[in-house]
Amino acid sequence: MNSNCARLRICRAPGTVTYGWILLALMAVAPCALKAQMSWSATVGAETNDEAEQANAFLPNELWVHERDSITWTFGPVNEIHTVTFLTPGQVRPSFTAGCPGTTPSGSSFNGTTCVNSGALSNKATYSVTFPTAGNYKLVCLVHADMNGVVHVLPMSDTLPHDQAFYNQQGLDEARDLLNDVDNPFEEVADFPARENAVLMIGELVATAGGRQYLSIVRFLPWTIRIRAGQTVEWMNTDPTEPHTVTFGTTSVAPANVTTANDGALQGTVTSTTSVVSSGVLQAAPQDRVGLGQSPPGKTRVRITFPQPGTYNYICAIHAGLGMKGTVIVRP
């Protein structure tokens, strides 16, 4: 509570009526109690109408609230999942399926000592966290490694720098900036106009003072490619953080019927429209950090050869529900 609330006392002389003092006391305390339990709102993720472009971000990803306040996050994307997760300092990051461990119910409190995790949510689901203790708390999504933010929980004696209207506008601005900034990612596609038989997966990583956000374009570019029998197509995941697969004949994320070439790329052969061939997860290497061992190069390429004419459909096994599908048309 602020200093005025903390110093408030009800005093009376023996035998006197205190109703007036009590009324004045309640009038003084009520604003403090309301202020100490304010509920804020924010958004998790945004997308275009066709779900092709995903803003993997907390919107906004930096908020200031008072101790005992709560924040309710609304999950925007229809099919893309996210989590609202607060890990404890130094906690080893778990997978989103393991949780921190598991999930905690909406309305849980976080004070930095016990993790809080919404679990994977989407499609306008909501999740609330209350912050009883002042501190600066990192907010992460366990599904997307480069999607994070921070919540600054201030003592009641401190003045908050922003109101809810500011956060509403800031969230809209951040979402708009991510979803509209497709020119830079598409420049990568333009870099390969003369290169035959290349398919790209693209995205862009950005940041605010509160943490990282990124745009992922969950489409194969081009989504239809035409080649001659016996030729090879090379898929490259140039997205700086989002994982994808190139998968024929199955919906599994696991690699299938591929080997590793001398340059580290994966390779395989699709001999018929029923062949099962999958790259498994293609993803850039995680960012190196001081104090951690250097990570090996990521698996970002797969080359697949097509000996026989036909029409071969494939998917990203991670994002097929978002429409990430492609076709290879092999002519004689």
C-alpha atoms as a PDB file:
ATOM      1  CA  MET A   1       0.000   0.000   0.000  1.00  0.00           C
ATOM      2  CA  ASN A   2       1.095   3.604  -0.406  1.00  0.00           C
ATOM      3  CA  SER A   3       2.194   5.691   2.565  1.00  0.00           C
ATOM      4  CA  ASN A   4      -1.224   7.278   3.120  1.00  0.00           C
ATOM      5  CA  CYS A   5      -2.835   3.846   3.295  1.00  0.00           C
ATOM      6  CA  ALA A   6      -0.100   2.466   5.539  1.00  0.00           C
ATOM      7  CA  ARG A   7      -0.466   5.270   8.095  1.00  0.00           C
ATOM      8  CA  LEU A   8      -4.257   5.136   8.271  1.00  0.00           C
ATOM      9  CA  ARG A   9      -5.569   4.379  11.779  1.00  0.00           C
ATOM     10  CA  ILE A  10      -9.030   4.539  13.474  1.00  0.00           C
ATOM     11  CA  CYS A  11      -8.839   6.191  16.919  1.00  0.00           C
ATOM     12  CA  ARG A  12     -11.516   7.171  19.433  1.00  0.00           C
ATOM     13  CA  ALA A  13     -11.795   8.204  23.049  1.00  0.00           C
ATOM     14  CA  PRO A  14     -13.313   5.629  25.422  1.00  0.00           C
ATOM     15  CA  GLY A  15     -17.119   5.643  25.304  1.00  0.00           C
ATOM     16  CA  THR A  16     -17.448   7.776  22.168  1.00  0.00           C
ATOM     17  CA  VAL A  17     -19.238   6.808  18.959  1.00  0.00           C
ATOM     18  CA  THR A  18     -16.855   6.069  16.095  1.00  0.00           C
ATOM     19  CA  TYR A  19     -19.242   5.723  13.118  1.00  0.00           C
ATOM     20  CA  GLY A  20     -18.110   8.960  11.549  1.00  0.00           C
ATOM     21  CA  TRP A  21     -14.447   7.997  11.860  1.00  0.00           C
ATOM     22  CA  ILE A  22     -15.172   4.558  10.434  1.00  0.00           C
ATOM     23  CA  LEU A  23     -16.967   6.069   7.430  1.00  0.00           C
ATOM     24  CA  LEU A  24     -14.069   8.437   6.786  1.00  0.00           C
ATOM     25  CA  ALA A  25     -11.632   5.550   7.147  1.00  0.00           C
ATOM     26  CA  LEU A  26     -13.526   3.390   4.646  1.00  0.00           C
ATOM     27  CA  MET A  27     -13.642   6.261   2.187  1.00  0.00           C
ATOM     28  CA  ALA A  28      -9.885   6.662   2.511  1.00  0.00           C
ATOM     29  CA  VAL A  29      -9.067   2.946   2.281  1.00  0.00           C
ATOM     30  CA  ALA A  30     -11.387   2.069  -0.622  1.00  0.00           C
ATOM     31  CA  PRO A  31      -9.351   3.831  -3.339  1.00  0.00           C
ATOM     32  CA  CYS A  32      -6.192   2.156  -2.053  1.00  0.00           C
ATOM     33  CA  ALA A  33      -7.809  -1.288  -2.108  1.00  0.00           C
ATOM     34  CA  LEU A  34      -9.116  -0.781  -5.623  1.00  0.00           C
ATOM     35  CA  LYS A  35      -5.767   0.485  -6.844  1.00  0.00           C
ATOM     36  CA  ALA A  36      -3.975  -2.457  -5.258  1.00  0.00           C
ATOM     37  CA  GLN A  37      -6.130  -4.964  -7.127  1.00  0.00           C
ATOM     38  CA  MET A  38      -6.341  -3.535 -10.614  1.00  0.00           C
ATOM     39  CA  SER A  39      -6.755  -5.932 -13.531  1.00  0.00           C
ATOM     40  CA  TRP A  40      -4.839  -5.256 -16.738  1.00  0.00           C
ATOM     41  CA  SER A  41      -5.237  -6.872 -20.149  1.00  0.00           C
ATOM     42  CA  ALA A  42      -2.840  -7.810 -22.955  1.00  0.00           C
ATOM     43  CA  THR A  43      -2.737 -10.098 -25.984  1.00  0.00           C
ATOM     44  CA  VAL A  44      -0.716 -13.152 -27.002  1.00  0.00           C
ATOM     45  CA  GLY A  45       0.057 -13.459 -30.714  1.00  0.00           C
ATOM     46  CA  ALA A  46      -1.594 -12.074 -33.837  1.00  0.00           C
ATOM     47  CA  GLU A  47      -2.095 -13.303 -37.386  1.00  0.00           C
ATOM     48  CA  THR A  48      -3.399 -12.372 -40.816  1.00  0.00           C
ATOM     49  CA  ASN A  49      -6.834 -13.600 -41.875  1.00  0.00           C
ATOM     50  CA  ASP A  50      -5.363 -16.502 -43.866  1.00  0.00           C
ATOM     51  CA  GLU A  51      -3.072 -17.451 -40.940  1.00  0.00           C
ATOM     52  CA  ALA A  52      -0.059 -17.243 -43.294  1.00  0.00           C
ATOM     53  CA  GLU A  53       1.723 -14.593 -41.244  1.00  0.00           C
ATOM     54  CA  GLN A  54       2.127 -15.131 -37.537  1.00  0.00           C
ATOM     55  CA  ALA A  55       3.204 -12.449 -35.083  1.00  0.00           C
ATOM     56  CA  ASN A  56       4.794 -14.520 -32.352  1.00  0.00           C
ATOM     57  CA  ALA A  57       4.783 -11.890 -29.654  1.00  0.00           C
ATOM     58  CA  PHE A  58       3.332 -10.732 -26.373  1.00  0.00           C
ATOM     59  CA  LEU A  59       1.420  -7.582 -27.271  1.00  0.00           C
ATOM     60  CA  PRO A  60       2.728  -5.455 -25.743  1.00  0.00           C
ATOM     61  CA  ASN A  61       5.703  -7.323 -24.368  1.00  0.00           C
ATOM     62  CA  GLU A  62       6.523  -4.869 -21.581  1.00  0.00           C
ATOM     63  CA  LEU A  63       4.086  -3.760 -18.882  1.00  0.00           C
ATOM     64  CA  TRP A  64       4.250  -1.877 -15.580  1.00  0.00           C
ATOM     65  CA  VAL A  65       1.729  -2.772 -12.844  1.00  0.00           C
ATOM     66  CA  HIS A  66       1.432  -2.448  -9.080  1.00  0.00           C
ATOM     67  CA  GLU A  67       1.929  -5.274  -6.609  1.00  0.00           C
ATOM     68  CA  ARG A  68      -1.291  -7.249  -6.084  1.00  0.00           C
ATOM     69  CA  ASP A  69      -2.456  -6.314  -9.596  1.00  0.00           C
ATOM     70  CA  SER A  70      -3.307  -8.991 -12.158  1.00  0.00           C
ATOM     71  CA  ILE A  71      -2.869  -9.259 -15.927  1.00  0.00           C
ATOM     72  CA  THR A  72      -5.190 -11.235 -18.196  1.00  0.00           C
ATOM     73  CA  TRP A  73      -3.749 -12.310 -21.539  1.00  0.00           C
ATOM     74  CA  THR A  74      -6.046 -13.190 -24.472  1.00  0.00           C
ATOM     75  CA  PHE A  75      -4.656 -15.635 -27.033  1.00  0.00           C
ATOM     76  CA  GLY A  76      -5.329 -14.232 -30.500  1.00  0.00           C
ATOM     77  CA  PRO A  77      -4.439 -16.840 -33.163  1.00  0.00           C
ATOM     78  CA  VAL A  78      -7.038 -19.455 -34.040  1.00  0.00           C
ATOM     79  CA  ASN A  79      -4.694 -22.431 -34.477  1.00  0.00           C
ATOM     80  CA  GLU A  80      -1.209 -21.278 -33.515  1.00  0.00           C
ATOM     81  CA  ILE A  81      -0.529 -22.161 -29.872  1.00  0.00           C
ATOM     82  CA  HIS A  82       1.380 -20.107 -27.293  1.00  0.00           C
ATOM     83  CA  THR A  83       1.967 -20.191 -23.558  1.00  0.00           C
ATOM     84  CA  VAL A  84       2.108 -17.519 -20.865  1.00  0.00           C
ATOM     85  CA  THR A  85       4.914 -18.741 -18.632  1.00  0.00           C
ATOM     86  CA  PHE A  86       6.914 -17.268 -15.766  1.00  0.00           C
ATOM     87  CA  LEU A  87       9.904 -19.428 -14.847  1.00  0.00           C
ATOM     88  CA  THR A  88      11.944 -18.937 -11.697  1.00  0.00           C
ATOM     89  CA  PRO A  89      15.392 -17.296 -11.969  1.00  0.00           C
ATOM     90  CA  GLY A  90      17.911 -19.794 -13.341  1.00  0.00           C
ATOM     91  CA  GLN A  91      15.291 -22.466 -14.025  1.00  0.00           C
ATOM     92  CA  VAL A  92      16.173 -24.733 -16.957  1.00  0.00           C
ATOM     93  CA  ARG A  93      13.749 -24.023 -19.767  1.00  0.00           C
ATOM     94  CA  PRO A  94      11.376 -27.000 -20.264  1.00  0.00           C
ATOM     95  CA  SER A  95       9.482 -28.022 -23.379  1.00  0.00           C
ATOM     96  CA  PHE A  96       5.934 -26.726 -23.695  1.00  0.00           C
ATOM     97  CA  THR A  97       4.624 -30.291 -23.360  1.00  0.00           C
ATOM     98  CA  ALA A  98       6.446 -30.752 -20.032  1.00  0.00           C
ATOM     99  CA  GLY A  99       5.420 -27.393 -18.618  1.00  0.00           C
ATOM    100  CA  CYS A 100       7.166 -25.960 -15.590  1.00  0.00           C
ATOM    101  CA  PRO A 101       6.312 -28.794 -14.665  1.00  0.00           C
ATOM    102  CA  GLY A 102       2.715 -29.071 -15.855  1.00  0.00           C
ATOM    103  CA  THR A 103       0.297 -26.144 -15.883  1.00  0.00           C
ATOM    104  CA  THR A 104      -1.129 -23.891 -13.204  1.00  0.00           C
ATOM    105  CA  PRO A 105      -4.711 -22.589 -13.143  1.00  0.00           C
ATOM    106  CA  SER A 106      -5.666 -19.164 -14.408  1.00  0.00           C
ATOM    107  CA  GLY A 107      -5.476 -16.666 -11.554  1.00  0.00           C
ATOM    108  CA  SER A 108      -2.284 -18.166 -10.114  1.00  0.00           C
ATOM    109  CA  SER A 109       0.130 -15.873  -8.303  1.00  0.00           C
ATOM    110  CA  PHE A 110       3.742 -15.364  -9.317  1.00  0.00           C
ATOM    111  CA  ASN A 111       6.347 -13.865  -6.987  1.00  0.00           C
ATOM    112  CA  GLY A 112       9.501 -15.323  -8.537  1.00  0.00           C
ATOM    113  CA  THR A 113       9.725 -18.454  -6.379  1.00  0.00           C
ATOM    114  CA  THR A 114       7.362 -20.935  -8.071  1.00  0.00           C
ATOM    115  CA  CYS A 115       6.825 -21.121 -11.819  1.00  0.00           C
ATOM    116  CA  VAL A 116       3.472 -20.323 -13.414  1.00  0.00           C
ATOM    117  CA  ASN A 117       2.438 -21.752 -16.785  1.00  0.00           C
ATOM    118  CA  SER A 118      -0.784 -21.494 -18.803  1.00  0.00           C
ATOM    119  CA  GLY A 119      -0.093 -24.483 -21.016  1.00  0.00           C
ATOM    120  CA  ALA A 120      -0.607 -24.287 -24.785  1.00  0.00           C
ATOM    121  CA  LEU A 121      -3.617 -22.093 -25.601  1.00  0.00           C
ATOM    122  CA  SER A 122      -5.139 -20.406 -28.671  1.00  0.00           C
ATOM    123  CA  ASN A 123      -8.389 -19.125 -30.206  1.00  0.00           C
ATOM    124  CA  LYS A 124      -9.369 -16.379 -27.715  1.00  0.00           C
ATOM    125  CA  ALA A 125      -8.583 -18.390 -24.592  1.00  0.00           C
ATOM    126  CA  THR A 126      -7.632 -16.244 -21.606  1.00  0.00           C
ATOM    127  CA  TYR A 127      -5.143 -16.669 -18.775  1.00  0.00           C
ATOM    128  CA  SER A 128      -4.585 -14.443 -15.728  1.00  0.00           C
ATOM    129  CA  VAL A 129      -1.643 -14.036 -13.366  1.00  0.00           C
ATOM    130  CA  THR A 130      -1.579 -12.038 -10.120  1.00  0.00           C
ATOM    131  CA  PHE A 131       1.634 -10.399  -8.889  1.00  0.00           C
ATOM    132  CA  PRO A 132       1.697 -10.058  -5.082  1.00  0.00           C
ATOM    133  CA  THR A 133       5.313  -8.933  -4.788  1.00  0.00           C
ATOM    134  CA  ALA A 134       7.256  -6.116  -6.419  1.00  0.00           C
ATOM    135  CA  GLY A 135       9.921  -7.247  -8.878  1.00  0.00           C
ATOM    136  CA  ASN A 136      10.860  -7.512 -12.546  1.00  0.00           C
ATOM    137  CA  TYR A 137       9.638 -10.781 -14.038  1.00  0.00           C
ATOM    138  CA  LYS A 138      10.513 -12.280 -17.408  1.00  0.00           C
ATOM    139  CA  LEU A 139       7.589 -13.559 -19.469  1.00  0.00           C
ATOM    140  CA  VAL A 140       8.191 -16.369 -21.983  1.00  0.00           C
ATOM    141  CA  CYS A 141       6.334 -18.593 -24.427  1.00  0.00           C
ATOM    142  CA  LEU A 142       7.521 -22.192 -24.112  1.00  0.00           C
ATOM    143  CA  VAL A 143       6.440 -22.927 -27.696  1.00  0.00           C
ATOM    144  CA  HIS A 144       8.479 -20.112 -29.281  1.00  0.00           C
ATOM    145  CA  ALA A 145      11.984 -19.638 -27.901  1.00  0.00           C
ATOM    146  CA  ASP A 146      12.428 -16.057 -29.139  1.00  0.00           C
ATOM    147  CA  MET A 147       9.086 -14.791 -27.860  1.00  0.00           C
ATOM    148  CA  ASN A 148       9.447 -13.082 -24.513  1.00  0.00           C
ATOM    149  CA  GLY A 149       8.799  -9.939 -22.521  1.00  0.00           C
ATOM    150  CA  VAL A 150       8.873  -8.497 -19.020  1.00  0.00           C
ATOM    151  CA  VAL A 151       6.402  -7.427 -16.360  1.00  0.00           C
ATOM    152  CA  HIS A 152       7.592  -4.699 -13.985  1.00  0.00           C
ATOM    153  CA  VAL A 153       5.721  -4.982 -10.697  1.00  0.00           C
ATOM    154  CA  LEU A 154       6.132  -1.768  -8.714  1.00  0.00           C
ATOM    155  CA  PRO A 155       5.415  -0.944  -5.058  1.00  0.00           C
ATOM    156  CA  MET A 156       2.162   0.913  -4.466  1.00  0.00           C
ATOM    157  CA  SER A 157       4.150   4.035  -3.586  1.00  0.00           C
ATOM    158  CA  ASP A 158       5.502   4.238  -7.174  1.00  0.00           C
ATOM    159  CA  THR A 159       3.606   5.931  -9.971  1.00  0.00           C
ATOM    160  CA  LEU A 160       2.811   3.764 -12.986  1.00  0.00           C
ATOM    161  CA  PRO A 161       4.118   5.206 -16.274  1.00  0.00           C
ATOM    162  CA  HIS A 162       1.241   4.018 -18.495  1.00  0.00           C
ATOM    163  CA  ASP A 163      -2.473   3.242 -18.410  1.00  0.00           C
ATOM    164  CA  GLN A 164      -4.532   0.526 -20.109  1.00  0.00           C
ATOM    165  CA  ALA A 165      -5.271   2.705 -23.138  1.00  0.00           C
ATOM    166  CA  PHE A 166      -1.533   3.031 -23.761  1.00  0.00           C
ATOM    167  CA  TYR A 167      -1.036  -0.746 -23.600  1.00  0.00           C
ATOM    168  CA  ASN A 168      -3.975  -1.316 -25.945  1.00  0.00           C
ATOM    169  CA  GLN A 169      -2.458   1.011 -28.518  1.00  0.00           C
ATOM    170  CA  GLN A 170       1.060  -0.329 -27.989  1.00  0.00           C
ATOM    171  CA  GLY A 171      -0.138  -3.895 -28.538  1.00  0.00           C
ATOM    172  CA  LEU A 172      -1.897  -2.927 -31.767  1.00  0.00           C
ATOM    173  CA  ASP A 173       1.170  -1.049 -32.995  1.00  0.00           C
ATOM    174  CA  GLU A 174       3.518  -3.956 -32.288  1.00  0.00           C
ATOM    175  CA  ALA A 175       1.200  -6.438 -34.020  1.00  0.00           C
ATOM    176  CA  ARG A 176       0.788  -4.154 -37.016  1.00  0.00           C
ATOM    177  CA  ASP A 177       4.540  -3.590 -37.306  1.00  0.00           C
ATOM    178  CA  LEU A 178       5.217  -7.318 -37.304  1.00  0.00           C
ATOM    179  CA  LEU A 179       2.470  -8.400 -39.695  1.00  0.00           C
ATOM    180  CA  ASN A 180       3.019  -5.570 -42.171  1.00  0.00           C
ATOM    181  CA  ASP A 181       6.805  -5.858 -42.284  1.00  0.00           C
ATOM    182  CA  VAL A 182       6.929  -8.573 -44.932  1.00  0.00           C
ATOM    183  CA  ASP A 183       9.197  -6.718 -47.356  1.00  0.00           C
ATOM    184  CA  ASN A 184      12.435  -7.690 -45.621  1.00  0.00           C
ATOM    185  CA  PRO A 185      11.661 -11.422 -45.368  1.00  0.00           C
ATOM    186  CA  PHE A 186      10.520 -11.536 -48.984  1.00  0.00           C
ATOM    187  CA  GLU A 187      13.828 -10.036 -50.066  1.00  0.00           C
ATOM    188  CA  GLU A 188      15.307 -13.456 -49.358  1.00  0.00           C
ATOM    189  CA  VAL A 189      12.982 -14.981 -51.946  1.00  0.00           C
ATOM    190  CA  ALA A 190      14.078 -12.349 -54.450  1.00  0.00           C
ATOM    191  CA  ASP A 191      17.684 -13.416 -53.881  1.00  0.00           C
ATOM    192  CA  PHE A 192      16.959 -16.735 -55.613  1.00  0.00           C
ATOM    193  CA  PRO A 193      15.175 -15.794 -58.872  1.00  0.00           C
ATOM    194  CA  ALA A 194      17.825 -17.367 -61.062  1.00  0.00           C
ATOM    195  CA  ARG A 195      18.332 -20.398 -58.881  1.00  0.00           C
ATOM    196  CA  GLU A 196      16.256 -23.303 -60.081  1.00  0.00           C
ATOM    197  CA  ASN A 197      14.426 -25.647 -57.751  1.00  0.00           C
ATOM    198  CA  ALA A 198      14.730 -23.721 -54.456  1.00  0.00           C
ATOM    199  CA  VAL A 199      11.930 -23.416 -51.882  1.00  0.00           C
ATOM    200  CA  LEU A 200      12.279 -21.084 -48.899  1.00  0.00           C
ATOM    201  CA  MET A 201      10.744 -20.786 -45.443  1.00  0.00           C
ATOM    202  CA  ILE A 202      11.158 -17.249 -44.131  1.00  0.00           C
ATOM    203  CA  GLY A 203      10.668 -14.989 -41.127  1.00  0.00           C
ATOM    204  CA  GLU A 204      12.121 -12.030 -39.271  1.00  0.00           C
ATOM    205  CA  LEU A 205      13.273 -11.522 -35.687  1.00  0.00           C
ATOM    206  CA  VAL A 206      12.836  -8.094 -34.067  1.00  0.00           C
ATOM    207  CA  ALA A 207      12.983  -6.704 -30.545  1.00  0.00           C
ATOM    208  CA  THR A 208      11.700  -4.048 -28.199  1.00  0.00           C
ATOM    209  CA  ALA A 209      13.303  -2.860 -24.970  1.00  0.00           C
ATOM    210  CA  GLY A 210      11.194  -5.502 -23.241  1.00  0.00           C
ATOM    211  CA  GLY A 211      12.275  -8.543 -25.238  1.00  0.00           C
ATOM    212  CA  ARG A 212      12.116 -10.354 -28.546  1.00  0.00           C
ATOM    213  CA  GLN A 213       9.258 -10.798 -31.006  1.00  0.00           C
ATOM    214  CA  TYR A 214       9.172 -12.253 -34.478  1.00  0.00           C
ATOM    215  CA  LEU A 215       7.237 -12.647 -37.688  1.00  0.00           C
ATOM    216  CA  SER A 216       6.960 -16.129 -39.131  1.00  0.00           C
ATOM    217  CA  ILE A 217       5.536 -16.635 -42.629  1.00  0.00           C
ATOM    218  CA  VAL A 218       4.128 -20.145 -42.453  1.00  0.00           C
ATOM    219  CA  ARG A 219       4.127 -20.846 -46.166  1.00  0.00           C
ATOM    220  CA  PHE A 220       6.473 -22.582 -48.596  1.00  0.00           C
ATOM    221  CA  LEU A 221       7.732 -20.054 -51.153  1.00  0.00           C
ATOM    222  CA  PRO A 222       6.927 -20.922 -53.845  1.00  0.00           C
ATOM    223  CA  TRP A 223       4.205 -23.309 -52.718  1.00  0.00           C
ATOM    224  CA  THR A 224       4.131 -24.976 -56.156  1.00  0.00           C
ATOM    225  CA  ILE A 225       7.343 -25.833 -57.984  1.00  0.00           C
ATOM    226  CA  ARG A 226       7.759 -27.555 -61.348  1.00  0.00           C
ATOM    227  CA  ILE A 227      10.772 -29.683 -62.228  1.00  0.00           C
ATOM    228  CA  ARG A 228      11.840 -32.483 -64.597  1.00  0.00           C
ATOM    229  CA  ALA A 229      12.064 -36.141 -63.591  1.00  0.00           C
ATOM    230  CA  GLY A 230      15.422 -36.861 -61.991  1.00  0.00           C
ATOM    231  CA  GLN A 231      15.919 -33.331 -60.657  1.00  0.00           C
ATOM    232  CA  THR A 232      16.364 -32.307 -57.032  1.00  0.00           C
ATOM    233  CA  VAL A 233      14.570 -29.628 -55.026  1.00  0.00           C
ATOM    234  CA  GLU A 234      16.319 -27.900 -52.127  1.00  0.00           C
ATOM    235  CA  TRP A 235      14.262 -26.534 -49.220  1.00  0.00           C
ATOM    236  CA  MET A 236      15.928 -23.968 -46.951  1.00  0.00           C
ATOM    237  CA  ASN A 237      14.577 -22.709 -43.651  1.00  0.00           C
ATOM    238  CA  THR A 238      15.919 -19.151 -43.474  1.00  0.00           C
ATOM    239  CA  ASP A 239      13.598 -18.202 -40.621  1.00  0.00           C
ATOM    240  CA  PRO A 240      15.883 -17.162 -37.734  1.00  0.00           C
ATOM    241  CA  THR A 241      13.929 -19.065 -35.106  1.00  0.00           C
ATOM    242  CA  GLU A 242      10.764 -20.894 -36.279  1.00  0.00           C
ATOM    243  CA  PRO A 243      11.023 -24.665 -36.925  1.00  0.00           C
ATOM    244  CA  HIS A 244       9.475 -26.296 -39.991  1.00  0.00           C
ATOM    245  CA  THR A 245       9.460 -29.698 -41.666  1.00  0.00           C
ATOM    246  CA  VAL A 246       9.292 -30.870 -45.282  1.00  0.00           C
ATOM    247  CA  THR A 247       7.128 -33.966 -45.061  1.00  0.00           C
ATOM    248  CA  PHE A 248       5.810 -36.333 -47.762  1.00  0.00           C
ATOM    249  CA  GLY A 249       3.405 -39.199 -47.075  1.00  0.00           C
ATOM    250  CA  THR A 250       2.945 -38.760 -43.319  1.00  0.00           C
ATOM    251  CA  THR A 251       1.932 -36.218 -40.699  1.00  0.00           C
ATOM    252  CA  SER A 252       4.720 -37.116 -38.276  1.00  0.00           C
ATOM    253  CA  VAL A 253       7.268 -34.508 -37.219  1.00  0.00           C
ATOM    254  CA  ALA A 254       9.965 -37.195 -36.971  1.00  0.00           C
ATOM    255  CA  PRO A 255      12.588 -37.541 -39.734  1.00  0.00           C
ATOM    256  CA  ALA A 256      11.992 -40.399 -42.169  1.00  0.00           C
ATOM    257  CA  ASN A 257      14.127 -41.879 -44.962  1.00  0.00           C
ATOM    258  CA  VAL A 258      16.696 -39.104 -45.076  1.00  0.00           C
ATOM    259  CA  THR A 259      20.472 -39.183 -44.700  1.00  0.00           C
ATOM    260  CA  THR A 260      23.022 -36.461 -44.038  1.00  0.00           C
ATOM    261  CA  ALA A 261      25.181 -35.148 -46.884  1.00  0.00           C
ATOM    262  CA  ASN A 262      28.811 -34.097 -46.477  1.00  0.00           C
ATOM    263  CA  ASP A 263      27.841 -30.443 -46.050  1.00  0.00           C
ATOM    264  CA  GLY A 264      25.366 -31.252 -43.261  1.00  0.00           C
ATOM    265  CA  ALA A 265      22.222 -30.929 -45.383  1.00  0.00           C
ATOM    266  CA  LEU A 266      19.649 -33.695 -45.309  1.00  0.00           C
ATOM    267  CA  GLN A 267      18.868 -35.643 -48.471  1.00  0.00           C
ATOM    268  CA  GLY A 268      16.280 -38.143 -49.631  1.00  0.00           C
ATOM    269  CA  THR A 269      14.393 -39.510 -52.617  1.00  0.00           C
ATOM    270  CA  VAL A 270      10.647 -39.560 -53.285  1.00  0.00           C
ATOM    271  CA  THR A 271       9.988 -42.414 -55.705  1.00  0.00           C
ATOM    272  CA  SER A 272       6.164 -42.369 -55.745  1.00  0.00           C
ATOM    273  CA  THR A 273       3.190 -40.377 -54.535  1.00  0.00           C
ATOM    274  CA  THR A 274       2.939 -42.736 -51.558  1.00  0.00           C
ATOM    275  CA  SER A 275       6.586 -42.446 -50.484  1.00  0.00           C
ATOM    276  CA  VAL A 276       7.216 -41.451 -46.871  1.00  0.00           C
ATOM    277  CA  VAL A 277      10.063 -38.956 -46.698  1.00  0.00           C
ATOM    278  CA  SER A 278      10.433 -36.274 -44.037  1.00  0.00           C
ATOM    279  CA  SER A 279      13.195 -33.889 -43.097  1.00  0.00           C
ATOM    280  CA  GLY A 280      12.216 -33.815 -39.479  1.00  0.00           C
ATOM    281  CA  VAL A 281      12.637 -30.437 -37.788  1.00  0.00           C
ATOM    282  CA  LEU A 282      14.548 -27.850 -39.807  1.00  0.00           C
ATOM    283  CA  GLN A 283      15.590 -24.957 -37.572  1.00  0.00           C
ATOM    284  CA  ALA A 284      18.361 -22.407 -37.173  1.00  0.00           C
ATOM    285  CA  ALA A 285      20.828 -23.023 -34.374  1.00  0.00           C
ATOM    286  CA  PRO A 286      19.928 -21.365 -31.050  1.00  0.00           C
ATOM    287  CA  GLN A 287      21.666 -18.116 -30.226  1.00  0.00           C
ATOM    288  CA  ASP A 288      25.073 -18.561 -28.602  1.00  0.00           C
ATOM    289  CA  ARG A 289      25.472 -16.980 -25.163  1.00  0.00           C
ATOM    290  CA  VAL A 290      28.342 -16.285 -22.814  1.00  0.00           C
ATOM    291  CA  GLY A 291      28.629 -19.049 -20.222  1.00  0.00           C
ATOM    292  CA  LEU A 292      27.019 -21.738 -22.382  1.00  0.00           C
ATOM    293  CA  GLY A 293      28.623 -24.227 -24.717  1.00  0.00           C
ATOM    294  CA  GLN A 294      28.619 -23.295 -28.380  1.00  0.00           C
ATOM    295  CA  SER A 295      25.666 -24.803 -30.194  1.00  0.00           C
ATOM    296  CA  PRO A 296      26.269 -26.835 -33.373  1.00  0.00           C
ATOM    297  CA  PRO A 297      25.054 -25.528 -36.734  1.00  0.00           C
ATOM    298  CA  GLY A 298      21.330 -25.932 -37.213  1.00  0.00           C
ATOM    299  CA  LYS A 299      19.724 -28.360 -39.629  1.00  0.00           C
ATOM    300  CA  THR A 300      18.241 -25.915 -42.118  1.00  0.00           C
ATOM    301  CA  ARG A 301      18.361 -27.656 -45.545  1.00  0.00           C
ATOM    302  CA  VAL A 302      16.903 -30.739 -47.146  1.00  0.00           C
ATOM    303  CA  ARG A 303      17.399 -31.853 -50.756  1.00  0.00           C
ATOM    304  CA  ILE A 304      14.910 -34.306 -52.243  1.00  0.00           C
ATOM    305  CA  THR A 305      15.215 -35.987 -55.630  1.00  0.00           C
ATOM    306  CA  PHE A 306      12.197 -36.995 -57.758  1.00  0.00           C
ATOM    307  CA  PRO A 307      13.007 -39.781 -60.292  1.00  0.00           C
ATOM    308  CA  GLN A 308       9.425 -40.275 -61.530  1.00  0.00           C
ATOM    309  CA  PRO A 309       6.884 -37.883 -63.087  1.00  0.00           C
ATOM    310  CA  GLY A 310       3.839 -37.060 -60.990  1.00  0.00           C
ATOM    311  CA  THR A 311       2.270 -34.577 -58.614  1.00  0.00           C
ATOM    312  CA  TYR A 312       3.683 -34.765 -55.106  1.00  0.00           C
ATOM    313  CA  ASN A 313       1.954 -33.002 -52.226  1.00  0.00           C
ATOM    314  CA  TYR A 314       3.741 -32.283 -48.976  1.00  0.00           C
ATOM    315  CA  ILE A 315       3.253 -30.374 -45.710  1.00  0.00           C
ATOM    316  CA  CYS A 316       5.036 -28.827 -42.811  1.00  0.00           C
ATOM    317  CA  ALA A 317       4.004 -31.306 -40.135  1.00  0.00           C
ATOM    318  CA  ILE A 318       4.195 -28.555 -37.493  1.00  0.00           C
ATOM    319  CA  HIS A 319       2.080 -25.950 -39.310  1.00  0.00           C
ATOM    320  CA  ALA A 320      -0.201 -27.923 -41.639  1.00  0.00           C
ATOM    321  CA  GLY A 321      -3.185 -26.705 -39.613  1.00  0.00           C
ATOM    322  CA  LEU A 322      -2.226 -23.160 -40.565  1.00  0.00           C
ATOM    323  CA  GLY A 323      -2.177 -24.038 -44.258  1.00  0.00           C
ATOM    324  CA  MET A 324       1.545 -24.657 -44.731  1.00  0.00           C
ATOM    325  CA  LYS A 325       1.380 -27.070 -47.656  1.00  0.00           C
ATOM    326  CA  GLY A 326       3.122 -27.374 -50.996  1.00  0.00           C
ATOM    327  CA  THR A 327       3.233 -29.267 -54.287  1.00  0.00           C
ATOM    328  CA  VAL A 328       6.049 -30.525 -56.489  1.00  0.00           C
ATOM    329  CA  ILE A 329       4.952 -31.167 -60.090  1.00  0.00           C
ATOM    330  CA  VAL A 330       7.429 -33.452 -61.837  1.00  0.00           C
ATOM    331  CA  ARG A 331       7.242 -33.502 -65.634  1.00  0.00           C
ATOM    332  CA  PRO A 332       8.748 -36.206 -67.859  1.00  0.00           C
END
